[in-house]
Amino acid sequence: MKKIIFTILTLGLFISAFAQRDNLNKQLEQLGQNHNEFLTFMFTKTRDNNLSLCDKKSYKIWNQWAREFFATKYANWEGDFVDFYAANKWDEQPLYPKKELSAEANSYLKKLADQIELLNDKNFAGFANFCTNLQNDALSNLKSDNDAIIVGSAIVVAKYSSQYWDKHMDEWNNYFSAMPCSPKHQTKLSPTEKKVLQADASGAISGAISGIGVPPPVASSIAGALVYGGFSSCITGVCIGFGIDHITDWLW
């Protein structure tokens, strides 16, 4: 299985120094916007090229498109996203606790996870406002910059993810479910969009944690969250569109 490596090439979109928290908040909001742009970019390329995902050649094309997008955001992605996804199983990763974070930071992740659990499919009213308030509270009270970056990344990605999938889940499902390799939809015990949010936020946490220690920490961590969180939601969206848990179940 290939090792996944990402490196930050330039600062560009992300501001280079440890910024004040209000500046960090702006960077996190940009992360959320980039996240949704990525999903739109991937779906549009897939649909316009009439790409079928019924064989292994297709995901290599997807991986190429993803690298094209990340290059515009000054993050270089190398690796096989299917191996990466299957190895980490983002839809099974708990949001907390994370040993890299303080107890206070984990408490914010618990609040986010609990709120996601309360969601019903196609019922996201108030969730974005909850995330905005939680994000502001976390950035105001967390003493550690690392804690603030990681927790903030998870919250903002969950917020933007909810807005994206609430509008676009059906078009993903309709496109991929029509493929000959797609099994019939199976009834899920948990709402599909809830699973996407859980995987999405978990991916953002892992990306932000991986970026800590790569100078400059703010830019690297947020770009890392974009890489991990973006792939997480995109791939999970496809998997759920097929009524299965992992993309490798039908690719191989």
C-alpha atoms as a PDB file:
ATOM      1  CA  MET A   1       0.000   0.000   0.000  1.00  0.00           C
ATOM      2  CA  LYS A   2       1.406   3.302  -1.022  1.00  0.00           C
ATOM      3  CA  LYS A   3       2.413   5.827   1.568  1.00  0.00           C
ATOM      4  CA  ILE A   4       0.484   9.069   1.369  1.00  0.00           C
ATOM      5  CA  ILE A   5       2.587  12.218   1.349  1.00  0.00           C
ATOM      6  CA  PHE A   6       1.530  15.812   1.113  1.00  0.00           C
ATOM      7  CA  THR A   7       3.780  18.837   1.101  1.00  0.00           C
ATOM      8  CA  ILE A   8       2.965  22.496   1.199  1.00  0.00           C
ATOM      9  CA  LEU A   9       4.588  24.147  -1.804  1.00  0.00           C
ATOM     10  CA  THR A  10       3.749  27.822  -1.290  1.00  0.00           C
ATOM     11  CA  LEU A  11       1.717  29.895   1.086  1.00  0.00           C
ATOM     12  CA  GLY A  12      -0.385  31.673  -1.520  1.00  0.00           C
ATOM     13  CA  LEU A  13      -3.940  31.362  -0.266  1.00  0.00           C
ATOM     14  CA  PHE A  14      -2.953  30.771   3.355  1.00  0.00           C
ATOM     15  CA  ILE A  15      -1.244  33.441   5.443  1.00  0.00           C
ATOM     16  CA  SER A  16       2.249  32.439   6.472  1.00  0.00           C
ATOM     17  CA  ALA A  17       2.697  33.413  10.102  1.00  0.00           C
ATOM     18  CA  PHE A  18       0.996  32.440  13.316  1.00  0.00           C
ATOM     19  CA  ALA A  19      -1.923  34.801  13.090  1.00  0.00           C
ATOM     20  CA  GLN A  20      -4.234  36.193  15.666  1.00  0.00           C
ATOM     21  CA  ARG A  21      -7.333  34.120  16.225  1.00  0.00           C
ATOM     22  CA  ASP A  22      -9.564  36.377  14.162  1.00  0.00           C
ATOM     23  CA  ASN A  23      -7.214  35.867  11.232  1.00  0.00           C
ATOM     24  CA  LEU A  24      -7.205  32.115  11.868  1.00  0.00           C
ATOM     25  CA  ASN A  25     -10.984  32.190  11.768  1.00  0.00           C
ATOM     26  CA  LYS A  26     -10.850  33.748   8.292  1.00  0.00           C
ATOM     27  CA  GLN A  27      -8.410  31.085   7.126  1.00  0.00           C
ATOM     28  CA  LEU A  28     -10.658  28.343   8.451  1.00  0.00           C
ATOM     29  CA  GLU A  29     -13.636  29.790   6.615  1.00  0.00           C
ATOM     30  CA  GLN A  30     -11.561  29.732   3.433  1.00  0.00           C
ATOM     31  CA  LEU A  31     -10.798  26.075   4.153  1.00  0.00           C
ATOM     32  CA  GLY A  32     -14.519  25.341   4.227  1.00  0.00           C
ATOM     33  CA  GLN A  33     -15.092  27.168   0.963  1.00  0.00           C
ATOM     34  CA  ASN A  34     -12.202  25.310  -0.687  1.00  0.00           C
ATOM     35  CA  HIS A  35     -13.627  22.040   0.589  1.00  0.00           C
ATOM     36  CA  ASN A  36     -16.943  22.600  -1.166  1.00  0.00           C
ATOM     37  CA  GLU A  37     -15.215  23.874  -4.301  1.00  0.00           C
ATOM     38  CA  PHE A  38     -13.281  20.609  -4.397  1.00  0.00           C
ATOM     39  CA  LEU A  39     -16.426  18.502  -4.250  1.00  0.00           C
ATOM     40  CA  THR A  40     -18.050  20.538  -7.006  1.00  0.00           C
ATOM     41  CA  PHE A  41     -14.893  20.314  -9.111  1.00  0.00           C
ATOM     42  CA  MET A  42     -14.686  16.522  -8.760  1.00  0.00           C
ATOM     43  CA  PHE A  43     -18.336  15.862  -9.510  1.00  0.00           C
ATOM     44  CA  THR A  44     -18.414  18.214 -12.498  1.00  0.00           C
ATOM     45  CA  LYS A  45     -15.294  16.630 -14.030  1.00  0.00           C
ATOM     46  CA  THR A  46     -16.709  13.151 -13.435  1.00  0.00           C
ATOM     47  CA  ARG A  47     -20.103  13.933 -14.948  1.00  0.00           C
ATOM     48  CA  ASP A  48     -18.822  15.958 -17.901  1.00  0.00           C
ATOM     49  CA  ASN A  49     -16.402  13.182 -18.845  1.00  0.00           C
ATOM     50  CA  ASN A  50     -19.049  10.515 -18.281  1.00  0.00           C
ATOM     51  CA  LEU A  51     -16.581   8.692 -16.077  1.00  0.00           C
ATOM     52  CA  SER A  52     -17.574   5.227 -14.942  1.00  0.00           C
ATOM     53  CA  LEU A  53     -16.021   3.906 -11.749  1.00  0.00           C
ATOM     54  CA  CYS A  54     -16.514   0.235 -12.585  1.00  0.00           C
ATOM     55  CA  ASP A  55     -12.807  -0.526 -13.027  1.00  0.00           C
ATOM     56  CA  LYS A  56      -9.478   0.459 -11.519  1.00  0.00           C
ATOM     57  CA  LYS A  57      -8.528   2.812 -14.364  1.00  0.00           C
ATOM     58  CA  SER A  58     -11.230   5.238 -13.320  1.00  0.00           C
ATOM     59  CA  TYR A  59      -9.936   6.042  -9.865  1.00  0.00           C
ATOM     60  CA  LYS A  60      -6.519   6.891 -11.326  1.00  0.00           C
ATOM     61  CA  ILE A  61      -8.250   9.538 -13.431  1.00  0.00           C
ATOM     62  CA  TRP A  62     -10.042  10.801 -10.330  1.00  0.00           C
ATOM     63  CA  ASN A  63      -6.761  10.994  -8.484  1.00  0.00           C
ATOM     64  CA  GLN A  64      -5.268  13.063 -11.318  1.00  0.00           C
ATOM     65  CA  TRP A  65      -8.177  15.512 -11.192  1.00  0.00           C
ATOM     66  CA  ALA A  66      -7.808  15.825  -7.435  1.00  0.00           C
ATOM     67  CA  ARG A  67      -4.139  16.704  -7.792  1.00  0.00           C
ATOM     68  CA  GLU A  68      -5.089  19.359 -10.352  1.00  0.00           C
ATOM     69  CA  PHE A  69      -7.444  20.952  -7.859  1.00  0.00           C
ATOM     70  CA  PHE A  70      -5.051  20.835  -4.913  1.00  0.00           C
ATOM     71  CA  ALA A  71      -2.325  22.424  -7.031  1.00  0.00           C
ATOM     72  CA  THR A  72      -4.521  25.517  -7.346  1.00  0.00           C
ATOM     73  CA  LYS A  73      -4.647  25.667  -3.539  1.00  0.00           C
ATOM     74  CA  TYR A  74      -0.881  25.324  -3.137  1.00  0.00           C
ATOM     75  CA  ALA A  75      -0.972  21.812  -1.716  1.00  0.00           C
ATOM     76  CA  ASN A  76       0.754  18.926  -3.488  1.00  0.00           C
ATOM     77  CA  TRP A  77      -0.888  15.518  -3.109  1.00  0.00           C
ATOM     78  CA  GLU A  78       0.897  12.290  -4.034  1.00  0.00           C
ATOM     79  CA  GLY A  79      -0.471   8.813  -3.512  1.00  0.00           C
ATOM     80  CA  ASP A  80      -3.316   6.439  -4.208  1.00  0.00           C
ATOM     81  CA  PHE A  81      -6.537   7.769  -2.683  1.00  0.00           C
ATOM     82  CA  VAL A  82      -8.271   4.372  -2.772  1.00  0.00           C
ATOM     83  CA  ASP A  83      -5.507   2.719  -0.756  1.00  0.00           C
ATOM     84  CA  PHE A  84      -5.465   5.739   1.535  1.00  0.00           C
ATOM     85  CA  TYR A  85      -9.199   5.632   2.112  1.00  0.00           C
ATOM     86  CA  ALA A  86      -9.353   1.871   2.615  1.00  0.00           C
ATOM     87  CA  ALA A  87      -6.445   1.954   5.068  1.00  0.00           C
ATOM     88  CA  ASN A  88      -7.938   4.680   7.246  1.00  0.00           C
ATOM     89  CA  LYS A  89     -11.655   3.860   6.904  1.00  0.00           C
ATOM     90  CA  TRP A  90     -12.711   7.442   7.576  1.00  0.00           C
ATOM     91  CA  ASP A  91     -16.365   6.541   8.039  1.00  0.00           C
ATOM     92  CA  GLU A  92     -15.373   4.404  11.034  1.00  0.00           C
ATOM     93  CA  GLN A  93     -13.009   6.827  12.753  1.00  0.00           C
ATOM     94  CA  PRO A  94     -14.358   8.470  15.914  1.00  0.00           C
ATOM     95  CA  LEU A  95     -14.067  12.226  16.153  1.00  0.00           C
ATOM     96  CA  TYR A  96     -12.719  12.005  19.676  1.00  0.00           C
ATOM     97  CA  PRO A  97     -10.808  11.503  21.855  1.00  0.00           C
ATOM     98  CA  LYS A  98      -7.571  12.435  20.127  1.00  0.00           C
ATOM     99  CA  LYS A  99      -4.413  11.879  22.142  1.00  0.00           C
ATOM    100  CA  GLU A 100      -2.719  14.806  20.396  1.00  0.00           C
ATOM    101  CA  LEU A 101      -5.238  17.233  21.894  1.00  0.00           C
ATOM    102  CA  SER A 102      -5.952  18.610  25.354  1.00  0.00           C
ATOM    103  CA  ALA A 103      -8.996  17.576  27.359  1.00  0.00           C
ATOM    104  CA  GLU A 104     -10.603  20.938  26.610  1.00  0.00           C
ATOM    105  CA  ALA A 105     -10.051  20.523  22.867  1.00  0.00           C
ATOM    106  CA  ASN A 106     -11.523  17.030  22.977  1.00  0.00           C
ATOM    107  CA  SER A 107     -14.563  18.430  24.759  1.00  0.00           C
ATOM    108  CA  TYR A 108     -15.255  20.643  21.739  1.00  0.00           C
ATOM    109  CA  LEU A 109     -14.934  17.663  19.415  1.00  0.00           C
ATOM    110  CA  LYS A 110     -17.396  15.779  21.613  1.00  0.00           C
ATOM    111  CA  LYS A 111     -19.899  18.614  21.303  1.00  0.00           C
ATOM    112  CA  LEU A 112     -19.521  18.500  17.523  1.00  0.00           C
ATOM    113  CA  ALA A 113     -19.895  14.723  17.399  1.00  0.00           C
ATOM    114  CA  ASP A 114     -22.947  14.808  19.659  1.00  0.00           C
ATOM    115  CA  GLN A 115     -24.614  17.432  17.466  1.00  0.00           C
ATOM    116  CA  ILE A 116     -23.959  15.380  14.329  1.00  0.00           C
ATOM    117  CA  GLU A 117     -25.571  12.380  16.012  1.00  0.00           C
ATOM    118  CA  LEU A 118     -28.716  14.427  16.600  1.00  0.00           C
ATOM    119  CA  LEU A 119     -29.104  15.158  12.890  1.00  0.00           C
ATOM    120  CA  ASN A 120     -31.692  13.462  10.749  1.00  0.00           C
ATOM    121  CA  ASP A 121     -31.131  12.901   7.048  1.00  0.00           C
ATOM    122  CA  LYS A 122     -32.270  15.944   5.042  1.00  0.00           C
ATOM    123  CA  ASN A 123     -32.705  17.915   8.264  1.00  0.00           C
ATOM    124  CA  PHE A 124     -29.794  20.279   8.774  1.00  0.00           C
ATOM    125  CA  ALA A 125     -31.664  23.330   9.995  1.00  0.00           C
ATOM    126  CA  GLY A 126     -29.609  25.130  12.614  1.00  0.00           C
ATOM    127  CA  PHE A 127     -26.524  22.927  12.255  1.00  0.00           C
ATOM    128  CA  ALA A 128     -24.469  25.592  10.468  1.00  0.00           C
ATOM    129  CA  ASN A 129     -25.320  28.148  13.160  1.00  0.00           C
ATOM    130  CA  PHE A 130     -24.349  25.650  15.848  1.00  0.00           C
ATOM    131  CA  CYS A 131     -20.987  25.104  14.149  1.00  0.00           C
ATOM    132  CA  THR A 132     -20.338  28.832  13.780  1.00  0.00           C
ATOM    133  CA  ASN A 133     -21.018  29.431  17.477  1.00  0.00           C
ATOM    134  CA  LEU A 134     -18.917  26.422  18.515  1.00  0.00           C
ATOM    135  CA  GLN A 135     -16.074  27.546  16.267  1.00  0.00           C
ATOM    136  CA  ASN A 136     -16.062  31.064  17.710  1.00  0.00           C
ATOM    137  CA  ASP A 137     -16.171  29.715  21.256  1.00  0.00           C
ATOM    138  CA  ALA A 138     -13.320  27.282  20.626  1.00  0.00           C
ATOM    139  CA  LEU A 139     -11.063  29.878  19.017  1.00  0.00           C
ATOM    140  CA  SER A 140     -11.732  32.262  21.897  1.00  0.00           C
ATOM    141  CA  ASN A 141     -11.060  29.792  24.706  1.00  0.00           C
ATOM    142  CA  LEU A 142      -8.523  27.206  23.557  1.00  0.00           C
ATOM    143  CA  LYS A 143      -5.094  28.263  24.790  1.00  0.00           C
ATOM    144  CA  SER A 144      -3.032  26.096  22.459  1.00  0.00           C
ATOM    145  CA  ASP A 145      -2.718  27.205  18.844  1.00  0.00           C
ATOM    146  CA  ASN A 146      -2.459  23.578  17.767  1.00  0.00           C
ATOM    147  CA  ASP A 147      -5.721  22.781  19.542  1.00  0.00           C
ATOM    148  CA  ALA A 148      -7.410  25.772  17.939  1.00  0.00           C
ATOM    149  CA  ILE A 149      -6.261  24.829  14.431  1.00  0.00           C
ATOM    150  CA  ILE A 150      -7.287  21.178  14.690  1.00  0.00           C
ATOM    151  CA  VAL A 151     -10.622  21.738  16.411  1.00  0.00           C
ATOM    152  CA  GLY A 152     -11.402  24.690  14.164  1.00  0.00           C
ATOM    153  CA  SER A 153     -10.639  22.621  11.059  1.00  0.00           C
ATOM    154  CA  ALA A 154     -13.000  19.854  12.141  1.00  0.00           C
ATOM    155  CA  ILE A 155     -15.846  22.231  12.957  1.00  0.00           C
ATOM    156  CA  VAL A 156     -15.614  24.339   9.816  1.00  0.00           C
ATOM    157  CA  VAL A 157     -15.330  21.315   7.515  1.00  0.00           C
ATOM    158  CA  ALA A 158     -18.377  19.733   9.151  1.00  0.00           C
ATOM    159  CA  LYS A 159     -20.284  22.995   8.709  1.00  0.00           C
ATOM    160  CA  TYR A 160     -19.483  23.388   5.039  1.00  0.00           C
ATOM    161  CA  SER A 161     -19.872  19.666   4.420  1.00  0.00           C
ATOM    162  CA  SER A 162     -23.417  19.748   5.785  1.00  0.00           C
ATOM    163  CA  GLN A 163     -24.302  22.611   3.466  1.00  0.00           C
ATOM    164  CA  TYR A 164     -22.815  20.863   0.455  1.00  0.00           C
ATOM    165  CA  TRP A 165     -24.274  17.401   0.952  1.00  0.00           C
ATOM    166  CA  ASP A 166     -27.687  18.713   1.907  1.00  0.00           C
ATOM    167  CA  LYS A 167     -27.879  20.212  -1.593  1.00  0.00           C
ATOM    168  CA  HIS A 168     -25.912  17.717  -3.659  1.00  0.00           C
ATOM    169  CA  MET A 169     -26.213  14.213  -2.177  1.00  0.00           C
ATOM    170  CA  ASP A 170     -29.012  13.247  -4.569  1.00  0.00           C
ATOM    171  CA  GLU A 171     -27.057  14.148  -7.699  1.00  0.00           C
ATOM    172  CA  TRP A 172     -24.089  12.059  -6.555  1.00  0.00           C
ATOM    173  CA  ASN A 173     -26.371   9.142  -5.752  1.00  0.00           C
ATOM    174  CA  ASN A 174     -28.261   9.410  -9.030  1.00  0.00           C
ATOM    175  CA  TYR A 175     -25.099   9.532 -11.123  1.00  0.00           C
ATOM    176  CA  PHE A 176     -23.182   6.689  -9.524  1.00  0.00           C
ATOM    177  CA  SER A 177     -26.133   4.437  -8.794  1.00  0.00           C
ATOM    178  CA  ALA A 178     -26.929   4.208 -12.519  1.00  0.00           C
ATOM    179  CA  MET A 179     -23.637   2.439 -13.239  1.00  0.00           C
ATOM    180  CA  PRO A 180     -23.749  -1.282 -14.070  1.00  0.00           C
ATOM    181  CA  CYS A 181     -21.379  -2.150 -11.229  1.00  0.00           C
ATOM    182  CA  SER A 182     -23.571  -0.455  -8.634  1.00  0.00           C
ATOM    183  CA  PRO A 183     -25.481  -2.776  -6.317  1.00  0.00           C
ATOM    184  CA  LYS A 184     -29.010  -1.861  -5.352  1.00  0.00           C
ATOM    185  CA  HIS A 185     -29.288   0.688  -2.595  1.00  0.00           C
ATOM    186  CA  GLN A 186     -29.336  -0.826   0.838  1.00  0.00           C
ATOM    187  CA  THR A 187     -31.209   0.613   3.789  1.00  0.00           C
ATOM    188  CA  LYS A 188     -28.799   2.352   6.116  1.00  0.00           C
ATOM    189  CA  LEU A 189     -29.230   2.338   9.858  1.00  0.00           C
ATOM    190  CA  SER A 190     -27.794   5.846  10.019  1.00  0.00           C
ATOM    191  CA  PRO A 191     -28.603   8.710   7.641  1.00  0.00           C
ATOM    192  CA  THR A 192     -26.254   8.881   4.704  1.00  0.00           C
ATOM    193  CA  GLU A 193     -25.401  12.536   5.120  1.00  0.00           C
ATOM    194  CA  LYS A 194     -24.631  11.993   8.782  1.00  0.00           C
ATOM    195  CA  LYS A 195     -22.017   9.396   7.846  1.00  0.00           C
ATOM    196  CA  VAL A 196     -20.465  11.819   5.386  1.00  0.00           C
ATOM    197  CA  LEU A 197     -20.231  14.521   8.045  1.00  0.00           C
ATOM    198  CA  GLN A 198     -18.606  12.123  10.502  1.00  0.00           C
ATOM    199  CA  ALA A 199     -16.036  10.974   7.962  1.00  0.00           C
ATOM    200  CA  ASP A 200     -15.454  14.508   6.735  1.00  0.00           C
ATOM    201  CA  ALA A 201     -14.727  15.996  10.143  1.00  0.00           C
ATOM    202  CA  SER A 202     -12.517  13.033  11.054  1.00  0.00           C
ATOM    203  CA  GLY A 203     -10.500  13.509   7.884  1.00  0.00           C
ATOM    204  CA  ALA A 204     -10.035  17.192   8.626  1.00  0.00           C
ATOM    205  CA  ILE A 205      -8.733  16.392  12.112  1.00  0.00           C
ATOM    206  CA  SER A 206      -6.184  13.923  10.754  1.00  0.00           C
ATOM    207  CA  GLY A 207      -5.083  16.392   8.109  1.00  0.00           C
ATOM    208  CA  ALA A 208      -4.621  19.195  10.604  1.00  0.00           C
ATOM    209  CA  ILE A 209      -2.721  16.938  13.013  1.00  0.00           C
ATOM    210  CA  SER A 210      -0.417  15.832  10.189  1.00  0.00           C
ATOM    211  CA  GLY A 211       0.276  19.445   9.270  1.00  0.00           C
ATOM    212  CA  ILE A 212       1.381  20.446  12.770  1.00  0.00           C
ATOM    213  CA  GLY A 213       5.137  20.824  12.833  1.00  0.00           C
ATOM    214  CA  VAL A 214       5.431  21.602   9.114  1.00  0.00           C
ATOM    215  CA  PRO A 215       6.437  25.284   8.932  1.00  0.00           C
ATOM    216  CA  PRO A 216       4.506  27.505   8.940  1.00  0.00           C
ATOM    217  CA  PRO A 217       2.085  25.664  11.227  1.00  0.00           C
ATOM    218  CA  VAL A 218      -1.104  27.571  10.413  1.00  0.00           C
ATOM    219  CA  ALA A 219      -0.770  27.327   6.644  1.00  0.00           C
ATOM    220  CA  SER A 220       0.433  23.727   6.681  1.00  0.00           C
ATOM    221  CA  SER A 221      -2.217  22.453   9.059  1.00  0.00           C
ATOM    222  CA  ILE A 222      -5.114  24.095   7.256  1.00  0.00           C
ATOM    223  CA  ALA A 223      -3.862  22.907   3.878  1.00  0.00           C
ATOM    224  CA  GLY A 224      -3.485  19.433   5.373  1.00  0.00           C
ATOM    225  CA  ALA A 225      -7.065  19.549   6.555  1.00  0.00           C
ATOM    226  CA  LEU A 226      -8.168  20.456   3.027  1.00  0.00           C
ATOM    227  CA  VAL A 227      -6.326  17.478   1.548  1.00  0.00           C
ATOM    228  CA  TYR A 228      -7.567  14.925   4.056  1.00  0.00           C
ATOM    229  CA  GLY A 229     -11.031  16.304   4.648  1.00  0.00           C
ATOM    230  CA  GLY A 230     -11.674  16.886   0.973  1.00  0.00           C
ATOM    231  CA  PHE A 231     -10.814  13.343  -0.025  1.00  0.00           C
ATOM    232  CA  SER A 232     -12.707  11.913   2.914  1.00  0.00           C
ATOM    233  CA  SER A 233     -16.052  13.433   2.050  1.00  0.00           C
ATOM    234  CA  CYS A 234     -15.705  12.988  -1.689  1.00  0.00           C
ATOM    235  CA  ILE A 235     -14.912   9.293  -1.468  1.00  0.00           C
ATOM    236  CA  THR A 236     -17.437   8.637   1.266  1.00  0.00           C
ATOM    237  CA  GLY A 237     -20.078  10.321  -0.851  1.00  0.00           C
ATOM    238  CA  VAL A 238     -19.406   7.869  -3.657  1.00  0.00           C
ATOM    239  CA  CYS A 239     -19.398   4.880  -1.331  1.00  0.00           C
ATOM    240  CA  ILE A 240     -22.706   5.835   0.214  1.00  0.00           C
ATOM    241  CA  GLY A 241     -24.110   6.434  -3.249  1.00  0.00           C
ATOM    242  CA  PHE A 242     -23.455   2.766  -3.889  1.00  0.00           C
ATOM    243  CA  GLY A 243     -24.990   1.670  -0.604  1.00  0.00           C
ATOM    244  CA  ILE A 244     -21.681   0.253   0.650  1.00  0.00           C
ATOM    245  CA  ASP A 245     -19.132   1.246   3.256  1.00  0.00           C
ATOM    246  CA  HIS A 246     -15.842   1.150   1.358  1.00  0.00           C
ATOM    247  CA  ILE A 247     -14.958   1.961  -2.201  1.00  0.00           C
ATOM    248  CA  THR A 248     -12.723  -1.108  -2.458  1.00  0.00           C
ATOM    249  CA  ASP A 249     -15.725  -3.382  -1.948  1.00  0.00           C
ATOM    250  CA  TRP A 250     -16.762  -2.763  -5.533  1.00  0.00           C
ATOM    251  CA  LEU A 251     -13.489  -1.779  -7.177  1.00  0.00           C
ATOM    252  CA  TRP A 252     -11.899  -5.133  -6.389  1.00  0.00           C
END
